[in-house]
Amino acid sequence: MVRLAGVLRTFVPLFDRVLVERLAAETKTKGGIMIPEKSLGKVLHATVVSTGPGSRTSDGTVVPCSVVAGDKVLLPEYGGTKVEMDDKEYFIFRDGDILGKFTS
């Protein structure tokens, strides 16, 4: 669930959709060398912000999403729907499109 600042609204994805926030790209190497923006690759790691209740089967039962808010996940290189809220960039993916989650 994302709270919009100054507004009494929240955003909750529907069905098996997952709202994620991509991690920032590294702009420096470990040695301290600055990486130009054109050379930065697409960041495929993200943090789950909010999830929908899940998808429904043919008999009407709800299958919950496999990730929860706060999980660190690996995203596909392409896909997702870009959403901008409060000058932040989020992406919406289907639960099945997420490639995996990181555990510690």
PDB file of N, CA and C in Angstrom:
ATOM      1  N   MET A   1       0.849  -1.169   0.000  1.00  0.00           N
ATOM      2  CA  MET A   1       0.000   0.000   0.000  1.00  0.00           C
ATOM      3  C   MET A   1       0.896   1.233   0.000  1.00  0.00           C
ATOM      4  N   VAL A   2       0.643   2.136  -0.883  1.00  0.00           N
ATOM      5  CA  VAL A   2       1.421   3.367  -0.976  1.00  0.00           C
ATOM      6  C   VAL A   2       0.528   4.519  -0.577  1.00  0.00           C
ATOM      7  N   ARG A   3       0.952   5.300   0.394  1.00  0.00           N
ATOM      8  CA  ARG A   3       0.208   6.497   0.797  1.00  0.00           C
ATOM      9  C   ARG A   3       0.714   7.671  -0.003  1.00  0.00           C
ATOM     10  N   LEU A   4      -0.188   8.405  -0.588  1.00  0.00           N
ATOM     11  CA  LEU A   4       0.179   9.583  -1.354  1.00  0.00           C
ATOM     12  C   LEU A   4       0.246  10.766  -0.406  1.00  0.00           C
ATOM     13  N   ALA A   5       1.374  11.451  -0.379  1.00  0.00           N
ATOM     14  CA  ALA A   5       1.596  12.555   0.552  1.00  0.00           C
ATOM     15  C   ALA A   5       0.592  13.673   0.315  1.00  0.00           C
ATOM     16  N   GLY A   6       0.030  14.177   1.396  1.00  0.00           N
ATOM     17  CA  GLY A   6      -0.897  15.297   1.313  1.00  0.00           C
ATOM     18  C   GLY A   6      -2.274  14.918   0.812  1.00  0.00           C
ATOM     19  N   VAL A   7      -2.476  13.657   0.513  1.00  0.00           N
ATOM     20  CA  VAL A   7      -3.760  13.198  -0.012  1.00  0.00           C
ATOM     21  C   VAL A   7      -4.202  12.018   0.833  1.00  0.00           C
ATOM     22  N   LEU A   8      -5.484  11.917   1.092  1.00  0.00           N
ATOM     23  CA  LEU A   8      -5.996  10.819   1.904  1.00  0.00           C
ATOM     24  C   LEU A   8      -6.383   9.638   1.023  1.00  0.00           C
ATOM     25  N   ARG A   9      -5.475   9.250   0.133  1.00  0.00           N
ATOM     26  CA  ARG A   9      -5.704   8.112  -0.732  1.00  0.00           C
ATOM     27  C   ARG A   9      -4.545   7.138  -0.607  1.00  0.00           C
ATOM     28  N   THR A  10      -4.816   5.880  -0.893  1.00  0.00           N
ATOM     29  CA  THR A  10      -3.773   4.872  -0.935  1.00  0.00           C
ATOM     30  C   THR A  10      -3.901   4.115  -2.244  1.00  0.00           C
ATOM     31  N   PHE A  11      -2.835   3.464  -2.655  1.00  0.00           N
ATOM     32  CA  PHE A  11      -2.841   2.679  -3.881  1.00  0.00           C
ATOM     33  C   PHE A  11      -2.608   1.221  -3.527  1.00  0.00           C
ATOM     34  N   VAL A  12      -3.555   0.368  -3.886  1.00  0.00           N
ATOM     35  CA  VAL A  12      -3.431  -1.065  -3.675  1.00  0.00           C
ATOM     36  C   VAL A  12      -3.645  -1.739  -5.026  1.00  0.00           C
ATOM     37  N   PRO A  13      -2.687  -2.545  -5.498  1.00  0.00           N
ATOM     38  CA  PRO A  13      -2.866  -3.236  -6.770  1.00  0.00           C
ATOM     39  C   PRO A  13      -4.023  -4.229  -6.703  1.00  0.00           C
ATOM     40  N   LEU A  14      -4.618  -4.520  -7.846  1.00  0.00           N
ATOM     41  CA  LEU A  14      -5.723  -5.467  -7.918  1.00  0.00           C
ATOM     42  C   LEU A  14      -5.232  -6.857  -8.322  1.00  0.00           C
ATOM     43  N   PHE A  15      -6.002  -7.868  -7.955  1.00  0.00           N
ATOM     44  CA  PHE A  15      -5.779  -9.258  -8.334  1.00  0.00           C
ATOM     45  C   PHE A  15      -4.351  -9.702  -8.018  1.00  0.00           C
ATOM     46  N   ASP A  16      -3.636 -10.220  -9.004  1.00  0.00           N
ATOM     47  CA  ASP A  16      -2.284 -10.746  -8.755  1.00  0.00           C
ATOM     48  C   ASP A  16      -1.200  -9.755  -9.165  1.00  0.00           C
ATOM     49  N   ARG A  17      -1.503  -8.467  -9.106  1.00  0.00           N
ATOM     50  CA  ARG A  17      -0.534  -7.434  -9.476  1.00  0.00           C
ATOM     51  C   ARG A  17       0.349  -7.093  -8.273  1.00  0.00           C
ATOM     52  N   VAL A  18       1.585  -6.695  -8.562  1.00  0.00           N
ATOM     53  CA  VAL A  18       2.563  -6.366  -7.527  1.00  0.00           C
ATOM     54  C   VAL A  18       3.169  -5.011  -7.879  1.00  0.00           C
ATOM     55  N   LEU A  19       3.161  -4.083  -6.919  1.00  0.00           N
ATOM     56  CA  LEU A  19       3.766  -2.759  -7.093  1.00  0.00           C
ATOM     57  C   LEU A  19       5.178  -2.809  -6.528  1.00  0.00           C
ATOM     58  N   VAL A  20       6.173  -2.463  -7.362  1.00  0.00           N
ATOM     59  CA  VAL A  20       7.570  -2.514  -6.927  1.00  0.00           C
ATOM     60  C   VAL A  20       8.251  -1.179  -7.163  1.00  0.00           C
ATOM     61  N   GLU A  21       9.311  -0.957  -6.411  1.00  0.00           N
ATOM     62  CA  GLU A  21      10.166   0.215  -6.597  1.00  0.00           C
ATOM     63  C   GLU A  21      11.562  -0.305  -6.914  1.00  0.00           C
ATOM     64  N   ARG A  22      12.058   0.042  -8.103  1.00  0.00           N
ATOM     65  CA  ARG A  22      13.389  -0.425  -8.510  1.00  0.00           C
ATOM     66  C   ARG A  22      14.466   0.220  -7.643  1.00  0.00           C
ATOM     67  N   LEU A  23      15.527  -0.512  -7.388  1.00  0.00           N
ATOM     68  CA  LEU A  23      16.657   0.023  -6.639  1.00  0.00           C
ATOM     69  C   LEU A  23      17.436   0.979  -7.530  1.00  0.00           C
ATOM     70  N   ALA A  24      18.116   1.930  -6.947  1.00  0.00           N
ATOM     71  CA  ALA A  24      18.883   2.917  -7.714  1.00  0.00           C
ATOM     72  C   ALA A  24      20.117   2.262  -8.325  1.00  0.00           C
ATOM     73  N   ALA A  25      20.470   2.689  -9.523  1.00  0.00           N
ATOM     74  CA  ALA A  25      21.656   2.170 -10.209  1.00  0.00           C
ATOM     75  C   ALA A  25      22.913   2.731  -9.560  1.00  0.00           C
ATOM     76  N   GLU A  26      23.935   1.903  -9.503  1.00  0.00           N
ATOM     77  CA  GLU A  26      25.220   2.333  -8.962  1.00  0.00           C
ATOM     78  C   GLU A  26      25.885   3.279  -9.962  1.00  0.00           C
ATOM     79  N   THR A  27      26.308   4.446  -9.496  1.00  0.00           N
ATOM     80  CA  THR A  27      26.948   5.414 -10.393  1.00  0.00           C
ATOM     81  C   THR A  27      28.459   5.465 -10.199  1.00  0.00           C
ATOM     82  N   LYS A  28      28.966   4.689  -9.259  1.00  0.00           N
ATOM     83  CA  LYS A  28      30.407   4.617  -9.009  1.00  0.00           C
ATOM     84  C   LYS A  28      30.821   3.161  -8.903  1.00  0.00           C
ATOM     85  N   THR A  29      32.044   2.886  -9.354  1.00  0.00           N
ATOM     86  CA  THR A  29      32.588   1.549  -9.153  1.00  0.00           C
ATOM     87  C   THR A  29      33.165   1.462  -7.741  1.00  0.00           C
ATOM     88  N   LYS A  30      33.571   0.278  -7.343  1.00  0.00           N
ATOM     89  CA  LYS A  30      34.162   0.126  -6.012  1.00  0.00           C
ATOM     90  C   LYS A  30      35.451   0.918  -5.875  1.00  0.00           C
ATOM     91  N   GLY A  31      36.130   1.149  -6.991  1.00  0.00           N
ATOM     92  CA  GLY A  31      37.368   1.921  -6.983  1.00  0.00           C
ATOM     93  C   GLY A  31      37.138   3.421  -6.999  1.00  0.00           C
ATOM     94  N   GLY A  32      35.871   3.864  -7.100  1.00  0.00           N
ATOM     95  CA  GLY A  32      35.567   5.278  -7.059  1.00  0.00           C
ATOM     96  C   GLY A  32      35.428   5.942  -8.416  1.00  0.00           C
ATOM     97  N   ILE A  33      35.449   5.162  -9.477  1.00  0.00           N
ATOM     98  CA  ILE A  33      35.325   5.723 -10.820  1.00  0.00           C
ATOM     99  C   ILE A  33      33.850   5.964 -11.125  1.00  0.00           C
ATOM    100  N   MET A  34      33.535   7.166 -11.626  1.00  0.00           N
ATOM    101  CA  MET A  34      32.151   7.508 -11.973  1.00  0.00           C
ATOM    102  C   MET A  34      31.750   6.802 -13.269  1.00  0.00           C
ATOM    103  N   ILE A  35      30.547   6.241 -13.297  1.00  0.00           N
ATOM    104  CA  ILE A  35      30.029   5.566 -14.483  1.00  0.00           C
ATOM    105  C   ILE A  35      29.076   6.515 -15.197  1.00  0.00           C
ATOM    106  N   PRO A  36      29.266   6.762 -16.499  1.00  0.00           N
ATOM    107  CA  PRO A  36      28.352   7.657 -17.219  1.00  0.00           C
ATOM    108  C   PRO A  36      26.949   7.057 -17.308  1.00  0.00           C
ATOM    109  N   GLU A  37      25.935   7.916 -17.368  1.00  0.00           N
ATOM    110  CA  GLU A  37      24.549   7.464 -17.393  1.00  0.00           C
ATOM    111  C   GLU A  37      24.251   6.556 -18.582  1.00  0.00           C
ATOM    112  N   LYS A  38      24.875   6.826 -19.708  1.00  0.00           N
ATOM    113  CA  LYS A  38      24.639   6.010 -20.895  1.00  0.00           C
ATOM    114  C   LYS A  38      25.125   4.581 -20.715  1.00  0.00           C
ATOM    115  N   SER A  39      26.097   4.386 -19.852  1.00  0.00           N
ATOM    116  CA  SER A  39      26.667   3.060 -19.641  1.00  0.00           C
ATOM    117  C   SER A  39      25.962   2.277 -18.539  1.00  0.00           C
ATOM    118  N   LEU A  40      25.087   2.931 -17.804  1.00  0.00           N
ATOM    119  CA  LEU A  40      24.394   2.241 -16.725  1.00  0.00           C
ATOM    120  C   LEU A  40      23.417   1.226 -17.299  1.00  0.00           C
ATOM    121  N   GLY A  41      23.428   0.041 -16.771  1.00  0.00           N
ATOM    122  CA  GLY A  41      22.491  -0.983 -17.208  1.00  0.00           C
ATOM    123  C   GLY A  41      21.151  -0.810 -16.508  1.00  0.00           C
ATOM    124  N   LYS A  42      20.176  -1.528 -16.990  1.00  0.00           N
ATOM    125  CA  LYS A  42      18.852  -1.484 -16.379  1.00  0.00           C
ATOM    126  C   LYS A  42      18.907  -2.234 -15.048  1.00  0.00           C
ATOM    127  N   VAL A  43      18.362  -1.646 -14.012  1.00  0.00           N
ATOM    128  CA  VAL A  43      18.368  -2.272 -12.687  1.00  0.00           C
ATOM    129  C   VAL A  43      17.229  -3.289 -12.639  1.00  0.00           C
ATOM    130  N   LEU A  44      17.578  -4.532 -12.338  1.00  0.00           N
ATOM    131  CA  LEU A  44      16.583  -5.594 -12.314  1.00  0.00           C
ATOM    132  C   LEU A  44      16.175  -5.978 -10.899  1.00  0.00           C
ATOM    133  N   HIS A  45      16.790  -5.358  -9.892  1.00  0.00           N
ATOM    134  CA  HIS A  45      16.442  -5.637  -8.505  1.00  0.00           C
ATOM    135  C   HIS A  45      15.424  -4.592  -8.042  1.00  0.00           C
ATOM    136  N   ALA A  46      14.458  -5.022  -7.239  1.00  0.00           N
ATOM    137  CA  ALA A  46      13.429  -4.102  -6.754  1.00  0.00           C
ATOM    138  C   ALA A  46      12.937  -4.543  -5.390  1.00  0.00           C
ATOM    139  N   THR A  47      12.226  -3.630  -4.738  1.00  0.00           N
ATOM    140  CA  THR A  47      11.584  -3.904  -3.455  1.00  0.00           C
ATOM    141  C   THR A  47      10.078  -3.874  -3.665  1.00  0.00           C
ATOM    142  N   VAL A  48       9.394  -4.882  -3.145  1.00  0.00           N
ATOM    143  CA  VAL A  48       7.934  -4.933  -3.258  1.00  0.00           C
ATOM    144  C   VAL A  48       7.343  -3.905  -2.308  1.00  0.00           C
ATOM    145  N   VAL A  49       6.478  -3.039  -2.830  1.00  0.00           N
ATOM    146  CA  VAL A  49       5.836  -2.007  -2.028  1.00  0.00           C
ATOM    147  C   VAL A  49       4.463  -2.475  -1.574  1.00  0.00           C
ATOM    148  N   SER A  50       3.718  -3.102  -2.491  1.00  0.00           N
ATOM    149  CA  SER A  50       2.363  -3.523  -2.188  1.00  0.00           C
ATOM    150  C   SER A  50       1.945  -4.642  -3.135  1.00  0.00           C
ATOM    151  N   THR A  51       1.041  -5.491  -2.684  1.00  0.00           N
ATOM    152  CA  THR A  51       0.531  -6.566  -3.540  1.00  0.00           C
ATOM    153  C   THR A  51      -0.991  -6.591  -3.483  1.00  0.00           C
ATOM    154  N   GLY A  52      -1.565  -7.150  -4.524  1.00  0.00           N
ATOM    155  CA  GLY A  52      -3.002  -7.361  -4.544  1.00  0.00           C
ATOM    156  C   GLY A  52      -3.345  -8.608  -3.745  1.00  0.00           C
ATOM    157  N   PRO A  53      -4.639  -8.931  -3.619  1.00  0.00           N
ATOM    158  CA  PRO A  53      -5.042 -10.098  -2.832  1.00  0.00           C
ATOM    159  C   PRO A  53      -4.658 -11.425  -3.478  1.00  0.00           C
ATOM    160  N   GLY A  54      -4.507 -11.461  -4.789  1.00  0.00           N
ATOM    161  CA  GLY A  54      -4.146 -12.694  -5.482  1.00  0.00           C
ATOM    162  C   GLY A  54      -5.096 -12.973  -6.627  1.00  0.00           C
ATOM    163  N   SER A  55      -4.815 -14.041  -7.356  1.00  0.00           N
ATOM    164  CA  SER A  55      -5.656 -14.398  -8.500  1.00  0.00           C
ATOM    165  C   SER A  55      -6.730 -15.390  -8.060  1.00  0.00           C
ATOM    166  N   ARG A  56      -7.751 -15.508  -8.868  1.00  0.00           N
ATOM    167  CA  ARG A  56      -8.841 -16.443  -8.577  1.00  0.00           C
ATOM    168  C   ARG A  56      -8.753 -17.639  -9.502  1.00  0.00           C
ATOM    169  N   THR A  57      -9.052 -18.812  -8.950  1.00  0.00           N
ATOM    170  CA  THR A  57      -9.106 -20.028  -9.756  1.00  0.00           C
ATOM    171  C   THR A  57     -10.489 -20.130 -10.380  1.00  0.00           C
ATOM    172  N   SER A  58     -10.689 -21.153 -11.194  1.00  0.00           N
ATOM    173  CA  SER A  58     -11.977 -21.319 -11.866  1.00  0.00           C
ATOM    174  C   SER A  58     -13.121 -21.595 -10.887  1.00  0.00           C
ATOM    175  N   ASP A  59     -12.810 -22.162  -9.719  1.00  0.00           N
ATOM    176  CA  ASP A  59     -13.880 -22.403  -8.736  1.00  0.00           C
ATOM    177  C   ASP A  59     -14.058 -21.239  -7.760  1.00  0.00           C
ATOM    178  N   GLY A  60     -13.306 -20.146  -7.946  1.00  0.00           N
ATOM    179  CA  GLY A  60     -13.511 -18.932  -7.160  1.00  0.00           C
ATOM    180  C   GLY A  60     -12.617 -18.758  -5.954  1.00  0.00           C
ATOM    181  N   THR A  61     -11.751 -19.717  -5.670  1.00  0.00           N
ATOM    182  CA  THR A  61     -10.862 -19.548  -4.524  1.00  0.00           C
ATOM    183  C   THR A  61      -9.719 -18.609  -4.890  1.00  0.00           C
ATOM    184  N   VAL A  62      -9.238 -17.872  -3.908  1.00  0.00           N
ATOM    185  CA  VAL A  62      -8.168 -16.896  -4.128  1.00  0.00           C
ATOM    186  C   VAL A  62      -6.821 -17.548  -3.846  1.00  0.00           C
ATOM    187  N   VAL A  63      -5.905 -17.433  -4.812  1.00  0.00           N
ATOM    188  CA  VAL A  63      -4.531 -17.906  -4.645  1.00  0.00           C
ATOM    189  C   VAL A  63      -3.688 -16.676  -4.327  1.00  0.00           C
ATOM    190  N   PRO A  64      -3.158 -16.553  -3.097  1.00  0.00           N
ATOM    191  CA  PRO A  64      -2.418 -15.338  -2.727  1.00  0.00           C
ATOM    192  C   PRO A  64      -1.129 -15.185  -3.523  1.00  0.00           C
ATOM    193  N   CYS A  65      -0.646 -13.950  -3.599  1.00  0.00           N
ATOM    194  CA  CYS A  65       0.615 -13.652  -4.288  1.00  0.00           C
ATOM    195  C   CYS A  65       1.769 -14.323  -3.555  1.00  0.00           C
ATOM    196  N   SER A  66       2.814 -14.647  -4.300  1.00  0.00           N
ATOM    197  CA  SER A  66       3.955 -15.354  -3.719  1.00  0.00           C
ATOM    198  C   SER A  66       4.948 -14.415  -3.036  1.00  0.00           C
ATOM    199  N   VAL A  67       4.757 -13.107  -3.153  1.00  0.00           N
ATOM    200  CA  VAL A  67       5.632 -12.135  -2.492  1.00  0.00           C
ATOM    201  C   VAL A  67       4.783 -11.237  -1.603  1.00  0.00           C
ATOM    202  N   VAL A  68       5.433 -10.627  -0.629  1.00  0.00           N
ATOM    203  CA  VAL A  68       4.754  -9.688   0.271  1.00  0.00           C
ATOM    204  C   VAL A  68       5.539  -8.382   0.294  1.00  0.00           C
ATOM    205  N   ALA A  69       4.925  -7.340   0.814  1.00  0.00           N
ATOM    206  CA  ALA A  69       5.585  -6.027   0.895  1.00  0.00           C
ATOM    207  C   ALA A  69       6.892  -6.154   1.668  1.00  0.00           C
ATOM    208  N   GLY A  70       7.943  -5.549   1.116  1.00  0.00           N
ATOM    209  CA  GLY A  70       9.256  -5.589   1.756  1.00  0.00           C
ATOM    210  C   GLY A  70      10.203  -6.608   1.147  1.00  0.00           C
ATOM    211  N   ASP A  71       9.694  -7.571   0.367  1.00  0.00           N
ATOM    212  CA  ASP A  71      10.556  -8.563  -0.268  1.00  0.00           C
ATOM    213  C   ASP A  71      11.435  -7.912  -1.323  1.00  0.00           C
ATOM    214  N   LYS A  72      12.655  -8.402  -1.469  1.00  0.00           N
ATOM    215  CA  LYS A  72      13.568  -7.982  -2.536  1.00  0.00           C
ATOM    216  C   LYS A  72      13.411  -9.003  -3.659  1.00  0.00           C
ATOM    217  N   VAL A  73      13.115  -8.520  -4.872  1.00  0.00           N
ATOM    218  CA  VAL A  73      12.820  -9.422  -5.982  1.00  0.00           C
ATOM    219  C   VAL A  73      13.690  -9.128  -7.193  1.00  0.00           C
ATOM    220  N   LEU A  74      13.739 -10.098  -8.114  1.00  0.00           N
ATOM    221  CA  LEU A  74      14.428  -9.966  -9.388  1.00  0.00           C
ATOM    222  C   LEU A  74      13.364  -9.838 -10.468  1.00  0.00           C
ATOM    223  N   LEU A  75      13.480  -8.789 -11.286  1.00  0.00           N
ATOM    224  CA  LEU A  75      12.481  -8.498 -12.314  1.00  0.00           C
ATOM    225  C   LEU A  75      12.993  -8.906 -13.691  1.00  0.00           C
ATOM    226  N   PRO A  76      12.073  -9.139 -14.631  1.00  0.00           N
ATOM    227  CA  PRO A  76      12.514  -9.364 -16.003  1.00  0.00           C
ATOM    228  C   PRO A  76      13.058  -8.065 -16.597  1.00  0.00           C
ATOM    229  N   GLU A  77      13.873  -8.180 -17.644  1.00  0.00           N
ATOM    230  CA  GLU A  77      14.481  -6.990 -18.230  1.00  0.00           C
ATOM    231  C   GLU A  77      13.437  -6.071 -18.853  1.00  0.00           C
ATOM    232  N   TYR A  78      12.414  -6.655 -19.453  1.00  0.00           N
ATOM    233  CA  TYR A  78      11.368  -5.861 -20.098  1.00  0.00           C
ATOM    234  C   TYR A  78      10.025  -6.182 -19.463  1.00  0.00           C
ATOM    235  N   GLY A  79       9.102  -5.226 -19.562  1.00  0.00           N
ATOM    236  CA  GLY A  79       7.759  -5.454 -19.047  1.00  0.00           C
ATOM    237  C   GLY A  79       7.443  -4.541 -17.879  1.00  0.00           C
ATOM    238  N   GLY A  80       6.267  -4.714 -17.352  1.00  0.00           N
ATOM    239  CA  GLY A  80       5.822  -3.881 -16.246  1.00  0.00           C
ATOM    240  C   GLY A  80       5.206  -2.595 -16.744  1.00  0.00           C
ATOM    241  N   THR A  81       4.379  -2.015 -15.917  1.00  0.00           N
ATOM    242  CA  THR A  81       3.733  -0.744 -16.227  1.00  0.00           C
ATOM    243  C   THR A  81       4.289   0.319 -15.302  1.00  0.00           C
ATOM    244  N   LYS A  82       4.796   1.391 -15.881  1.00  0.00           N
ATOM    245  CA  LYS A  82       5.403   2.475 -15.100  1.00  0.00           C
ATOM    246  C   LYS A  82       4.305   3.358 -14.512  1.00  0.00           C
ATOM    247  N   VAL A  83       4.422   3.659 -13.221  1.00  0.00           N
ATOM    248  CA  VAL A  83       3.467   4.513 -12.516  1.00  0.00           C
ATOM    249  C   VAL A  83       4.267   5.546 -11.736  1.00  0.00           C
ATOM    250  N   GLU A  84       3.908   6.826 -11.857  1.00  0.00           N
ATOM    251  CA  GLU A  84       4.588   7.871 -11.099  1.00  0.00           C
ATOM    252  C   GLU A  84       3.646   8.433 -10.044  1.00  0.00           C
ATOM    253  N   MET A  85       4.091   8.421  -8.786  1.00  0.00           N
ATOM    254  CA  MET A  85       3.321   8.967  -7.667  1.00  0.00           C
ATOM    255  C   MET A  85       4.289   9.711  -6.762  1.00  0.00           C
ATOM    256  N   ASP A  86       3.934  10.917  -6.366  1.00  0.00           N
ATOM    257  CA  ASP A  86       4.772  11.721  -5.472  1.00  0.00           C
ATOM    258  C   ASP A  86       6.206  11.835  -5.978  1.00  0.00           C
ATOM    259  N   ASP A  87       6.369  12.079  -7.263  1.00  0.00           N
ATOM    260  CA  ASP A  87       7.685  12.232  -7.881  1.00  0.00           C
ATOM    261  C   ASP A  87       8.572  11.004  -7.716  1.00  0.00           C
ATOM    262  N   LYS A  88       7.965   9.857  -7.483  1.00  0.00           N
ATOM    263  CA  LYS A  88       8.689   8.588  -7.408  1.00  0.00           C
ATOM    264  C   LYS A  88       8.189   7.698  -8.530  1.00  0.00           C
ATOM    265  N   GLU A  89       9.055   6.830  -8.985  1.00  0.00           N
ATOM    266  CA  GLU A  89       8.731   5.940 -10.085  1.00  0.00           C
ATOM    267  C   GLU A  89       8.519   4.525  -9.548  1.00  0.00           C
ATOM    268  N   TYR A  90       7.365   3.959  -9.822  1.00  0.00           N
ATOM    269  CA  TYR A  90       7.035   2.596  -9.423  1.00  0.00           C
ATOM    270  C   TYR A  90       6.690   1.800 -10.679  1.00  0.00           C
ATOM    271  N   PHE A  91       6.670   0.482 -10.555  1.00  0.00           N
ATOM    272  CA  PHE A  91       6.286  -0.388 -11.652  1.00  0.00           C
ATOM    273  C   PHE A  91       5.311  -1.437 -11.144  1.00  0.00           C
ATOM    274  N   ILE A  92       4.354  -1.793 -11.999  1.00  0.00           N
ATOM    275  CA  ILE A  92       3.382  -2.833 -11.663  1.00  0.00           C
ATOM    276  C   ILE A  92       3.672  -4.044 -12.533  1.00  0.00           C
ATOM    277  N   PHE A  93       3.850  -5.186 -11.893  1.00  0.00           N
ATOM    278  CA  PHE A  93       4.073  -6.461 -12.576  1.00  0.00           C
ATOM    279  C   PHE A  93       3.028  -7.459 -12.103  1.00  0.00           C
ATOM    280  N   ARG A  94       2.773  -8.459 -12.908  1.00  0.00           N
ATOM    281  CA  ARG A  94       1.967  -9.585 -12.446  1.00  0.00           C
ATOM    282  C   ARG A  94       2.861 -10.449 -11.561  1.00  0.00           C
ATOM    283  N   ASP A  95       2.248 -11.129 -10.610  1.00  0.00           N
ATOM    284  CA  ASP A  95       2.997 -11.985  -9.696  1.00  0.00           C
ATOM    285  C   ASP A  95       3.788 -13.033 -10.472  1.00  0.00           C
ATOM    286  N   GLY A  96       3.202 -13.585 -11.519  1.00  0.00           N
ATOM    287  CA  GLY A  96       3.876 -14.614 -12.307  1.00  0.00           C
ATOM    288  C   GLY A  96       5.039 -14.099 -13.140  1.00  0.00           C
ATOM    289  N   ASP A  97       5.117 -12.785 -13.368  1.00  0.00           N
ATOM    290  CA  ASP A  97       6.209 -12.207 -14.151  1.00  0.00           C
ATOM    291  C   ASP A  97       7.480 -12.012 -13.338  1.00  0.00           C
ATOM    292  N   ILE A  98       7.363 -11.980 -12.028  1.00  0.00           N
ATOM    293  CA  ILE A  98       8.532 -11.788 -11.163  1.00  0.00           C
ATOM    294  C   ILE A  98       9.367 -13.060 -11.191  1.00  0.00           C
ATOM    295  N   LEU A  99      10.664 -12.905 -11.441  1.00  0.00           N
ATOM    296  CA  LEU A  99      11.537 -14.067 -11.661  1.00  0.00           C
ATOM    297  C   LEU A  99      11.926 -14.783 -10.370  1.00  0.00           C
ATOM    298  N   GLY A 100      12.036 -14.063  -9.276  1.00  0.00           N
ATOM    299  CA  GLY A 100      12.421 -14.692  -8.014  1.00  0.00           C
ATOM    300  C   GLY A 100      12.556 -13.666  -6.916  1.00  0.00           C
ATOM    301  N   LYS A 101      12.732 -14.152  -5.694  1.00  0.00           N
ATOM    302  CA  LYS A 101      12.948 -13.236  -4.569  1.00  0.00           C
ATOM    303  C   LYS A 101      14.199 -13.649  -3.823  1.00  0.00           C
ATOM    304  N   PHE A 102      14.858 -12.654  -3.244  1.00  0.00           N
ATOM    305  CA  PHE A 102      16.099 -12.871  -2.511  1.00  0.00           C
ATOM    306  C   PHE A 102      15.782 -13.160  -1.057  1.00  0.00           C
ATOM    307  N   THR A 103      16.457 -14.138  -0.488  1.00  0.00           N
ATOM    308  CA  THR A 103      16.299 -14.459   0.932  1.00  0.00           C
ATOM    309  C   THR A 103      17.648 -14.310   1.601  1.00  0.00           C
ATOM    310  N   SER A 104      17.628 -14.079   2.887  1.00  0.00           N
ATOM    311  CA  SER A 104      18.906 -13.917   3.587  1.00  0.00           C
ATOM    312  C   SER A 104      19.227 -15.114   4.430  1.00  0.00           C
TER     313      SER A 104
END
